[in-house]
Amino acid sequence: MDPISLEDLALLDVLQRIDQGQAPGRHASALRDRLIDAALAQLDEDGDTLSLTDAGVERCKSLRHRVAADAEAAQVIKEREESAAAQETETD
């Protein structure tokens, strides 16, 4: 399994910021438009507040799970390598 891409990590960061009320500013209109076009975010009725759609919330959850799974997999690999190194030392 390939580790999560930098693009997905950046998307997760943006989605989490929106979820926490720290949406990208008006200077990032291209990013806002892409999120809205992808149905991950929506502008509220006032047209100023960006919030996550249900799809955006689910995508955020999915990316969080992927990050956690990657961290767990990295830990398992590290433990295996340490175990193999210890066994190698014992046989020398």
PDB file of N, CA and C in Angstrom:
ATOM      1  N   MET A   1       0.842  -1.171   0.000  1.00  0.00           N
ATOM      2  CA  MET A   1       0.000   0.000   0.000  1.00  0.00           C
ATOM      3  C   MET A   1       0.888   1.235   0.000  1.00  0.00           C
ATOM      4  N   ASP A   2       0.595   2.139  -0.894  1.00  0.00           N
ATOM      5  CA  ASP A   2       1.367   3.370  -0.988  1.00  0.00           C
ATOM      6  C   ASP A   2       0.957   4.335   0.118  1.00  0.00           C
ATOM      7  N   PRO A   3       1.906   5.092   0.636  1.00  0.00           N
ATOM      8  CA  PRO A   3       1.549   6.079   1.662  1.00  0.00           C
ATOM      9  C   PRO A   3       0.656   7.167   1.063  1.00  0.00           C
ATOM     10  N   ILE A   4      -0.068   7.849   1.917  1.00  0.00           N
ATOM     11  CA  ILE A   4      -0.962   8.903   1.466  1.00  0.00           C
ATOM     12  C   ILE A   4      -0.166   9.984   0.749  1.00  0.00           C
ATOM     13  N   SER A   5      -0.727  10.508  -0.318  1.00  0.00           N
ATOM     14  CA  SER A   5      -0.015  11.502  -1.128  1.00  0.00           C
ATOM     15  C   SER A   5      -0.010  12.872  -0.448  1.00  0.00           C
ATOM     16  N   LEU A   6       0.922  13.695  -0.867  1.00  0.00           N
ATOM     17  CA  LEU A   6       1.001  15.055  -0.327  1.00  0.00           C
ATOM     18  C   LEU A   6      -0.246  15.853  -0.677  1.00  0.00           C
ATOM     19  N   GLU A   7      -0.811  15.588  -1.863  1.00  0.00           N
ATOM     20  CA  GLU A   7      -2.031  16.284  -2.258  1.00  0.00           C
ATOM     21  C   GLU A   7      -3.181  15.947  -1.308  1.00  0.00           C
ATOM     22  N   ASP A   8      -3.300  14.658  -0.948  1.00  0.00           N
ATOM     23  CA  ASP A   8      -4.348  14.258  -0.020  1.00  0.00           C
ATOM     24  C   ASP A   8      -4.115  14.836   1.371  1.00  0.00           C
ATOM     25  N   LEU A   9      -2.857  14.909   1.790  1.00  0.00           N
ATOM     26  CA  LEU A   9      -2.557  15.533   3.080  1.00  0.00           C
ATOM     27  C   LEU A   9      -2.926  17.015   3.076  1.00  0.00           C
ATOM     28  N   ALA A  10      -2.646  17.679   1.962  1.00  0.00           N
ATOM     29  CA  ALA A  10      -2.995  19.100   1.854  1.00  0.00           C
ATOM     30  C   ALA A  10      -4.508  19.271   1.854  1.00  0.00           C
ATOM     31  N   LEU A  11      -5.213  18.377   1.145  1.00  0.00           N
ATOM     32  CA  LEU A  11      -6.674  18.436   1.137  1.00  0.00           C
ATOM     33  C   LEU A  11      -7.219  18.230   2.544  1.00  0.00           C
ATOM     34  N   LEU A  12      -6.677  17.258   3.262  1.00  0.00           N
ATOM     35  CA  LEU A  12      -7.107  17.015   4.637  1.00  0.00           C
ATOM     36  C   LEU A  12      -6.907  18.265   5.486  1.00  0.00           C
ATOM     37  N   ASP A  13      -5.770  18.913   5.341  1.00  0.00           N
ATOM     38  CA  ASP A  13      -5.490  20.129   6.104  1.00  0.00           C
ATOM     39  C   ASP A  13      -6.521  21.208   5.802  1.00  0.00           C
ATOM     40  N   VAL A  14      -6.832  21.412   4.542  1.00  0.00           N
ATOM     41  CA  VAL A  14      -7.804  22.438   4.157  1.00  0.00           C
ATOM     42  C   VAL A  14      -9.193  22.085   4.689  1.00  0.00           C
ATOM     43  N   LEU A  15      -9.596  20.818   4.538  1.00  0.00           N
ATOM     44  CA  LEU A  15     -10.913  20.405   5.025  1.00  0.00           C
ATOM     45  C   LEU A  15     -11.025  20.564   6.536  1.00  0.00           C
ATOM     46  N   GLN A  16      -9.962  20.214   7.253  1.00  0.00           N
ATOM     47  CA  GLN A  16      -9.986  20.374   8.711  1.00  0.00           C
ATOM     48  C   GLN A  16     -10.069  21.843   9.100  1.00  0.00           C
ATOM     49  N   ARG A  17      -9.370  22.692   8.371  1.00  0.00           N
ATOM     50  CA  ARG A  17      -9.425  24.134   8.673  1.00  0.00           C
ATOM     51  C   ARG A  17     -10.839  24.680   8.443  1.00  0.00           C
ATOM     52  N   ILE A  18     -11.466  24.246   7.345  1.00  0.00           N
ATOM     53  CA  ILE A  18     -12.833  24.687   7.075  1.00  0.00           C
ATOM     54  C   ILE A  18     -13.753  24.200   8.190  1.00  0.00           C
ATOM     55  N   ASP A  19     -13.573  22.950   8.597  1.00  0.00           N
ATOM     56  CA  ASP A  19     -14.399  22.370   9.653  1.00  0.00           C
ATOM     57  C   ASP A  19     -14.248  23.138  10.966  1.00  0.00           C
ATOM     58  N   GLN A  20     -13.071  23.715  11.193  1.00  0.00           N
ATOM     59  CA  GLN A  20     -12.802  24.480  12.415  1.00  0.00           C
ATOM     60  C   GLN A  20     -13.125  25.968  12.250  1.00  0.00           C
ATOM     61  N   GLY A  21     -13.733  26.315  11.130  1.00  0.00           N
ATOM     62  CA  GLY A  21     -14.118  27.707  10.900  1.00  0.00           C
ATOM     63  C   GLY A  21     -12.995  28.584  10.400  1.00  0.00           C
ATOM     64  N   GLN A  22     -11.928  27.985   9.906  1.00  0.00           N
ATOM     65  CA  GLN A  22     -10.783  28.748   9.391  1.00  0.00           C
ATOM     66  C   GLN A  22     -10.681  28.560   7.882  1.00  0.00           C
ATOM     67  N   ALA A  23     -11.743  28.871   7.199  1.00  0.00           N
ATOM     68  CA  ALA A  23     -11.784  28.676   5.746  1.00  0.00           C
ATOM     69  C   ALA A  23     -10.755  29.560   5.054  1.00  0.00           C
ATOM     70  N   PRO A  24     -10.302  29.133   3.868  1.00  0.00           N
ATOM     71  CA  PRO A  24      -9.374  29.970   3.109  1.00  0.00           C
ATOM     72  C   PRO A  24     -10.001  31.333   2.823  1.00  0.00           C
ATOM     73  N   GLY A  25      -9.189  32.345   2.823  1.00  0.00           N
ATOM     74  CA  GLY A  25      -9.696  33.697   2.598  1.00  0.00           C
ATOM     75  C   GLY A  25     -10.107  33.933   1.159  1.00  0.00           C
ATOM     76  N   ARG A  26     -10.622  35.097   0.918  1.00  0.00           N
ATOM     77  CA  ARG A  26     -11.075  35.454  -0.435  1.00  0.00           C
ATOM     78  C   ARG A  26      -9.932  35.428  -1.439  1.00  0.00           C
ATOM     79  N   HIS A  27      -8.706  35.612  -0.977  1.00  0.00           N
ATOM     80  CA  HIS A  27      -7.553  35.580  -1.876  1.00  0.00           C
ATOM     81  C   HIS A  27      -7.342  34.189  -2.474  1.00  0.00           C
ATOM     82  N   ALA A  28      -7.948  33.181  -1.863  1.00  0.00           N
ATOM     83  CA  ALA A  28      -7.820  31.803  -2.352  1.00  0.00           C
ATOM     84  C   ALA A  28      -9.087  31.390  -3.082  1.00  0.00           C
ATOM     85  N   SER A  29      -9.580  32.258  -3.932  1.00  0.00           N
ATOM     86  CA  SER A  29     -10.853  31.994  -4.602  1.00  0.00           C
ATOM     87  C   SER A  29     -10.794  30.762  -5.493  1.00  0.00           C
ATOM     88  N   ALA A  30      -9.666  30.487  -6.110  1.00  0.00           N
ATOM     89  CA  ALA A  30      -9.554  29.294  -6.960  1.00  0.00           C
ATOM     90  C   ALA A  30      -9.718  28.023  -6.131  1.00  0.00           C
ATOM     91  N   LEU A  31      -9.120  28.000  -4.959  1.00  0.00           N
ATOM     92  CA  LEU A  31      -9.254  26.846  -4.067  1.00  0.00           C
ATOM     93  C   LEU A  31     -10.697  26.700  -3.605  1.00  0.00           C
ATOM     94  N   ARG A  32     -11.309  27.809  -3.206  1.00  0.00           N
ATOM     95  CA  ARG A  32     -12.711  27.772  -2.785  1.00  0.00           C
ATOM     96  C   ARG A  32     -13.598  27.239  -3.905  1.00  0.00           C
ATOM     97  N   ASP A  33     -13.372  27.725  -5.116  1.00  0.00           N
ATOM     98  CA  ASP A  33     -14.183  27.279  -6.256  1.00  0.00           C
ATOM     99  C   ASP A  33     -14.007  25.793  -6.520  1.00  0.00           C
ATOM    100  N   ARG A  34     -12.773  25.296  -6.406  1.00  0.00           N
ATOM    101  CA  ARG A  34     -12.523  23.867  -6.624  1.00  0.00           C
ATOM    102  C   ARG A  34     -13.224  23.016  -5.574  1.00  0.00           C
ATOM    103  N   LEU A  35     -13.191  23.453  -4.324  1.00  0.00           N
ATOM    104  CA  LEU A  35     -13.867  22.716  -3.257  1.00  0.00           C
ATOM    105  C   LEU A  35     -15.380  22.714  -3.462  1.00  0.00           C
ATOM    106  N   ILE A  36     -15.917  23.839  -3.894  1.00  0.00           N
ATOM    107  CA  ILE A  36     -17.357  23.931  -4.148  1.00  0.00           C
ATOM    108  C   ILE A  36     -17.730  23.082  -5.357  1.00  0.00           C
ATOM    109  N   ASP A  37     -16.938  23.160  -6.434  1.00  0.00           N
ATOM    110  CA  ASP A  37     -17.201  22.354  -7.636  1.00  0.00           C
ATOM    111  C   ASP A  37     -17.142  20.860  -7.349  1.00  0.00           C
ATOM    112  N   ALA A  38     -16.268  20.466  -6.430  1.00  0.00           N
ATOM    113  CA  ALA A  38     -16.130  19.055  -6.064  1.00  0.00           C
ATOM    114  C   ALA A  38     -17.177  18.635  -5.028  1.00  0.00           C
ATOM    115  N   ALA A  39     -18.046  19.558  -4.648  1.00  0.00           N
ATOM    116  CA  ALA A  39     -19.114  19.315  -3.671  1.00  0.00           C
ATOM    117  C   ALA A  39     -18.564  18.937  -2.294  1.00  0.00           C
ATOM    118  N   LEU A  40     -17.367  19.400  -1.985  1.00  0.00           N
ATOM    119  CA  LEU A  40     -16.783  19.160  -0.672  1.00  0.00           C
ATOM    120  C   LEU A  40     -17.086  20.302   0.292  1.00  0.00           C
ATOM    121  N   ALA A  41     -17.413  21.462  -0.261  1.00  0.00           N
ATOM    122  CA  ALA A  41     -17.716  22.634   0.552  1.00  0.00           C
ATOM    123  C   ALA A  41     -18.815  23.439  -0.120  1.00  0.00           C
ATOM    124  N   GLN A  42     -19.417  24.296   0.684  1.00  0.00           N
ATOM    125  CA  GLN A  42     -20.481  25.159   0.162  1.00  0.00           C
ATOM    126  C   GLN A  42     -20.410  26.502   0.863  1.00  0.00           C
ATOM    127  N   LEU A  43     -20.865  27.512   0.162  1.00  0.00           N
ATOM    128  CA  LEU A  43     -20.978  28.829   0.773  1.00  0.00           C
ATOM    129  C   LEU A  43     -22.332  28.914   1.454  1.00  0.00           C
ATOM    130  N   ASP A  44     -22.357  29.462   2.647  1.00  0.00           N
ATOM    131  CA  ASP A  44     -23.628  29.642   3.348  1.00  0.00           C
ATOM    132  C   ASP A  44     -24.435  30.733   2.656  1.00  0.00           C
ATOM    133  N   GLU A  45     -25.644  30.926   3.122  1.00  0.00           N
ATOM    134  CA  GLU A  45     -26.554  31.880   2.488  1.00  0.00           C
ATOM    135  C   GLU A  45     -25.982  33.283   2.408  1.00  0.00           C
ATOM    136  N   ASP A  46     -25.151  33.652   3.366  1.00  0.00           N
ATOM    137  CA  ASP A  46     -24.568  34.994   3.344  1.00  0.00           C
ATOM    138  C   ASP A  46     -23.489  35.124   2.268  1.00  0.00           C
ATOM    139  N   GLY A  47     -23.041  33.992   1.730  1.00  0.00           N
ATOM    140  CA  GLY A  47     -22.049  34.006   0.658  1.00  0.00           C
ATOM    141  C   GLY A  47     -20.629  34.236   1.127  1.00  0.00           C
ATOM    142  N   ASP A  48     -20.429  34.349   2.429  1.00  0.00           N
ATOM    143  CA  ASP A  48     -19.092  34.612   2.964  1.00  0.00           C
ATOM    144  C   ASP A  48     -18.501  33.432   3.720  1.00  0.00           C
ATOM    145  N   THR A  49     -19.346  32.584   4.267  1.00  0.00           N
ATOM    146  CA  THR A  49     -18.876  31.511   5.134  1.00  0.00           C
ATOM    147  C   THR A  49     -18.838  30.192   4.368  1.00  0.00           C
ATOM    148  N   LEU A  50     -17.672  29.600   4.331  1.00  0.00           N
ATOM    149  CA  LEU A  50     -17.486  28.312   3.669  1.00  0.00           C
ATOM    150  C   LEU A  50     -17.628  27.216   4.715  1.00  0.00           C
ATOM    151  N   SER A  51     -18.423  26.207   4.397  1.00  0.00           N
ATOM    152  CA  SER A  51     -18.594  25.079   5.318  1.00  0.00           C
ATOM    153  C   SER A  51     -18.526  23.782   4.521  1.00  0.00           C
ATOM    154  N   LEU A  52     -18.249  22.699   5.230  1.00  0.00           N
ATOM    155  CA  LEU A  52     -18.156  21.399   4.577  1.00  0.00           C
ATOM    156  C   LEU A  52     -19.551  20.865   4.268  1.00  0.00           C
ATOM    157  N   THR A  53     -19.677  20.220   3.133  1.00  0.00           N
ATOM    158  CA  THR A  53     -20.890  19.486   2.811  1.00  0.00           C
ATOM    159  C   THR A  53     -20.782  18.118   3.477  1.00  0.00           C
ATOM    160  N   ASP A  54     -21.836  17.315   3.377  1.00  0.00           N
ATOM    161  CA  ASP A  54     -21.762  15.951   3.906  1.00  0.00           C
ATOM    162  C   ASP A  54     -20.630  15.182   3.226  1.00  0.00           C
ATOM    163  N   ALA A  55     -20.469  15.404   1.917  1.00  0.00           N
ATOM    164  CA  ALA A  55     -19.387  14.745   1.186  1.00  0.00           C
ATOM    165  C   ALA A  55     -18.024  15.205   1.690  1.00  0.00           C
ATOM    166  N   GLY A  56     -17.910  16.484   2.018  1.00  0.00           N
ATOM    167  CA  GLY A  56     -16.662  17.016   2.557  1.00  0.00           C
ATOM    168  C   GLY A  56     -16.331  16.421   3.913  1.00  0.00           C
ATOM    169  N   VAL A  57     -17.347  16.261   4.742  1.00  0.00           N
ATOM    170  CA  VAL A  57     -17.157  15.654   6.068  1.00  0.00           C
ATOM    171  C   VAL A  57     -16.693  14.207   5.907  1.00  0.00           C
ATOM    172  N   GLU A  58     -17.348  13.469   5.014  1.00  0.00           N
ATOM    173  CA  GLU A  58     -16.978  12.070   4.800  1.00  0.00           C
ATOM    174  C   GLU A  58     -15.578  11.942   4.216  1.00  0.00           C
ATOM    175  N   ARG A  59     -15.218  12.826   3.304  1.00  0.00           N
ATOM    176  CA  ARG A  59     -13.868  12.804   2.724  1.00  0.00           C
ATOM    177  C   ARG A  59     -12.830  13.100   3.799  1.00  0.00           C
ATOM    178  N   CYS A  60     -13.132  14.032   4.669  1.00  0.00           N
ATOM    179  CA  CYS A  60     -12.240  14.377   5.771  1.00  0.00           C
ATOM    180  C   CYS A  60     -12.051  13.169   6.684  1.00  0.00           C
ATOM    181  N   LYS A  61     -13.147  12.503   7.033  1.00  0.00           N
ATOM    182  CA  LYS A  61     -13.059  11.302   7.876  1.00  0.00           C
ATOM    183  C   LYS A  61     -12.219  10.230   7.200  1.00  0.00           C
ATOM    184  N   SER A  62     -12.456  10.031   5.908  1.00  0.00           N
ATOM    185  CA  SER A  62     -11.717   9.016   5.161  1.00  0.00           C
ATOM    186  C   SER A  62     -10.220   9.305   5.162  1.00  0.00           C
ATOM    187  N   LEU A  63      -9.865  10.561   4.944  1.00  0.00           N
ATOM    188  CA  LEU A  63      -8.446  10.937   4.937  1.00  0.00           C
ATOM    189  C   LEU A  63      -7.830  10.784   6.325  1.00  0.00           C
ATOM    190  N   ARG A  64      -8.578  11.113   7.371  1.00  0.00           N
ATOM    191  CA  ARG A  64      -8.068  10.933   8.742  1.00  0.00           C
ATOM    192  C   ARG A  64      -7.796   9.454   9.021  1.00  0.00           C
ATOM    193  N   HIS A  65      -8.726   8.603   8.585  1.00  0.00           N
ATOM    194  CA  HIS A  65      -8.532   7.162   8.773  1.00  0.00           C
ATOM    195  C   HIS A  65      -7.307   6.677   8.002  1.00  0.00           C
ATOM    196  N   ARG A  66      -7.109   7.223   6.814  1.00  0.00           N
ATOM    197  CA  ARG A  66      -5.955   6.821   5.999  1.00  0.00           C
ATOM    198  C   ARG A  66      -4.652   7.231   6.676  1.00  0.00           C
ATOM    199  N   VAL A  67      -4.615   8.424   7.225  1.00  0.00           N
ATOM    200  CA  VAL A  67      -3.416   8.890   7.932  1.00  0.00           C
ATOM    201  C   VAL A  67      -3.142   7.991   9.140  1.00  0.00           C
ATOM    202  N   ALA A  68      -4.189   7.659   9.884  1.00  0.00           N
ATOM    203  CA  ALA A  68      -4.023   6.791  11.057  1.00  0.00           C
ATOM    204  C   ALA A  68      -3.555   5.400  10.641  1.00  0.00           C
ATOM    205  N   ALA A  69      -4.112   4.870   9.556  1.00  0.00           N
ATOM    206  CA  ALA A  69      -3.707   3.542   9.067  1.00  0.00           C
ATOM    207  C   ALA A  69      -2.259   3.554   8.604  1.00  0.00           C
ATOM    208  N   ASP A  70      -1.845   4.618   7.933  1.00  0.00           N
ATOM    209  CA  ASP A  70      -0.449   4.731   7.496  1.00  0.00           C
ATOM    210  C   ASP A  70       0.493   4.791   8.692  1.00  0.00           C
ATOM    211  N   ALA A  71       0.108   5.522   9.726  1.00  0.00           N
ATOM    212  CA  ALA A  71       0.948   5.615  10.923  1.00  0.00           C
ATOM    213  C   ALA A  71       1.049   4.259  11.608  1.00  0.00           C
ATOM    214  N   GLU A  72      -0.060   3.539  11.666  1.00  0.00           N
ATOM    215  CA  GLU A  72      -0.047   2.221  12.288  1.00  0.00           C
ATOM    216  C   GLU A  72       0.806   1.250  11.473  1.00  0.00           C
ATOM    217  N   ALA A  73       0.677   1.304  10.158  1.00  0.00           N
ATOM    218  CA  ALA A  73       1.476   0.433   9.298  1.00  0.00           C
ATOM    219  C   ALA A  73       2.966   0.742   9.449  1.00  0.00           C
ATOM    220  N   ALA A  74       3.299   2.011   9.546  1.00  0.00           N
ATOM    221  CA  ALA A  74       4.705   2.397   9.731  1.00  0.00           C
ATOM    222  C   ALA A  74       5.242   1.860  11.049  1.00  0.00           C
ATOM    223  N   GLN A  75       4.415   1.891  12.081  1.00  0.00           N
ATOM    224  CA  GLN A  75       4.832   1.369  13.387  1.00  0.00           C
ATOM    225  C   GLN A  75       5.067  -0.140  13.315  1.00  0.00           C
ATOM    226  N   VAL A  76       4.175  -0.866  12.636  1.00  0.00           N
ATOM    227  CA  VAL A  76       4.331  -2.318  12.490  1.00  0.00           C
ATOM    228  C   VAL A  76       5.616  -2.637  11.735  1.00  0.00           C
ATOM    229  N   ILE A  77       5.870  -1.910  10.663  1.00  0.00           N
ATOM    230  CA  ILE A  77       7.096  -2.130   9.884  1.00  0.00           C
ATOM    231  C   ILE A  77       8.329  -1.860  10.737  1.00  0.00           C
ATOM    232  N   LYS A  78       8.294  -0.778  11.518  1.00  0.00           N
ATOM    233  CA  LYS A  78       9.427  -0.438  12.389  1.00  0.00           C
ATOM    234  C   LYS A  78       9.669  -1.551  13.401  1.00  0.00           C
ATOM    235  N   GLU A  79       8.594  -2.059  14.008  1.00  0.00           N
ATOM    236  CA  GLU A  79       8.737  -3.131  14.993  1.00  0.00           C
ATOM    237  C   GLU A  79       9.299  -4.397  14.352  1.00  0.00           C
ATOM    238  N   ARG A  80       8.865  -4.713  13.153  1.00  0.00           N
ATOM    239  CA  ARG A  80       9.385  -5.890  12.453  1.00  0.00           C
ATOM    240  C   ARG A  80      10.868  -5.746  12.156  1.00  0.00           C
ATOM    241  N   GLU A  81      11.255  -4.548  11.704  1.00  0.00           N
ATOM    242  CA  GLU A  81      12.657  -4.307  11.397  1.00  0.00           C
ATOM    243  C   GLU A  81      13.516  -4.392  12.651  1.00  0.00           C
ATOM    244  N   GLU A  82      13.014  -3.855  13.760  1.00  0.00           N
ATOM    245  CA  GLU A  82      13.754  -3.917  15.017  1.00  0.00           C
ATOM    246  C   GLU A  82      13.874  -5.359  15.500  1.00  0.00           C
ATOM    247  N   SER A  83      12.815  -6.116  15.333  1.00  0.00           N
ATOM    248  CA  SER A  83      12.828  -7.519  15.732  1.00  0.00           C
ATOM    249  C   SER A  83      13.817  -8.313  14.879  1.00  0.00           C
ATOM    250  N   ALA A  84      13.800  -8.047  13.581  1.00  0.00           N
ATOM    251  CA  ALA A  84      14.724  -8.730  12.680  1.00  0.00           C
ATOM    252  C   ALA A  84      16.166  -8.363  13.003  1.00  0.00           C
ATOM    253  N   ALA A  85      16.408  -7.107  13.326  1.00  0.00           N
ATOM    254  CA  ALA A  85      17.757  -6.667  13.683  1.00  0.00           C
ATOM    255  C   ALA A  85      18.205  -7.318  14.982  1.00  0.00           C
ATOM    256  N   ALA A  86      17.301  -7.444  15.932  1.00  0.00           N
ATOM    257  CA  ALA A  86      17.647  -8.080  17.216  1.00  0.00           C
ATOM    258  C   ALA A  86      17.949  -9.563  17.007  1.00  0.00           C
ATOM    259  N   GLN A  87      17.181 -10.228  16.152  1.00  0.00           N
ATOM    260  CA  GLN A  87      17.435 -11.635  15.881  1.00  0.00           C
ATOM    261  C   GLN A  87      18.760 -11.833  15.156  1.00  0.00           C
ATOM    262  N   GLU A  88      19.060 -10.897  14.285  1.00  0.00           N
ATOM    263  CA  GLU A  88      20.321 -10.939  13.540  1.00  0.00           C
ATOM    264  C   GLU A  88      21.507 -10.801  14.489  1.00  0.00           C
ATOM    265  N   THR A  89      21.357  -9.899  15.475  1.00  0.00           N
ATOM    266  CA  THR A  89      22.410  -9.674  16.463  1.00  0.00           C
ATOM    267  C   THR A  89      22.611 -10.918  17.325  1.00  0.00           C
ATOM    268  N   GLU A  90      21.498 -11.584  17.656  1.00  0.00           N
ATOM    269  CA  GLU A  90      21.589 -12.793  18.482  1.00  0.00           C
ATOM    270  C   GLU A  90      22.297 -13.939  17.763  1.00  0.00           C
ATOM    271  N   THR A  91      22.152 -14.025  16.450  1.00  0.00           N
ATOM    272  CA  THR A  91      22.770 -15.117  15.697  1.00  0.00           C
ATOM    273  C   THR A  91      24.220 -14.840  15.350  1.00  0.00           C
ATOM    274  N   ASP A  92      24.664 -13.624  15.514  1.00  0.00           N
ATOM    275  CA  ASP A  92      26.068 -13.299  15.196  1.00  0.00           C
ATOM    276  C   ASP A  92      27.004 -13.691  16.284  1.00  0.00           C
TER     277      ASP A  92
END
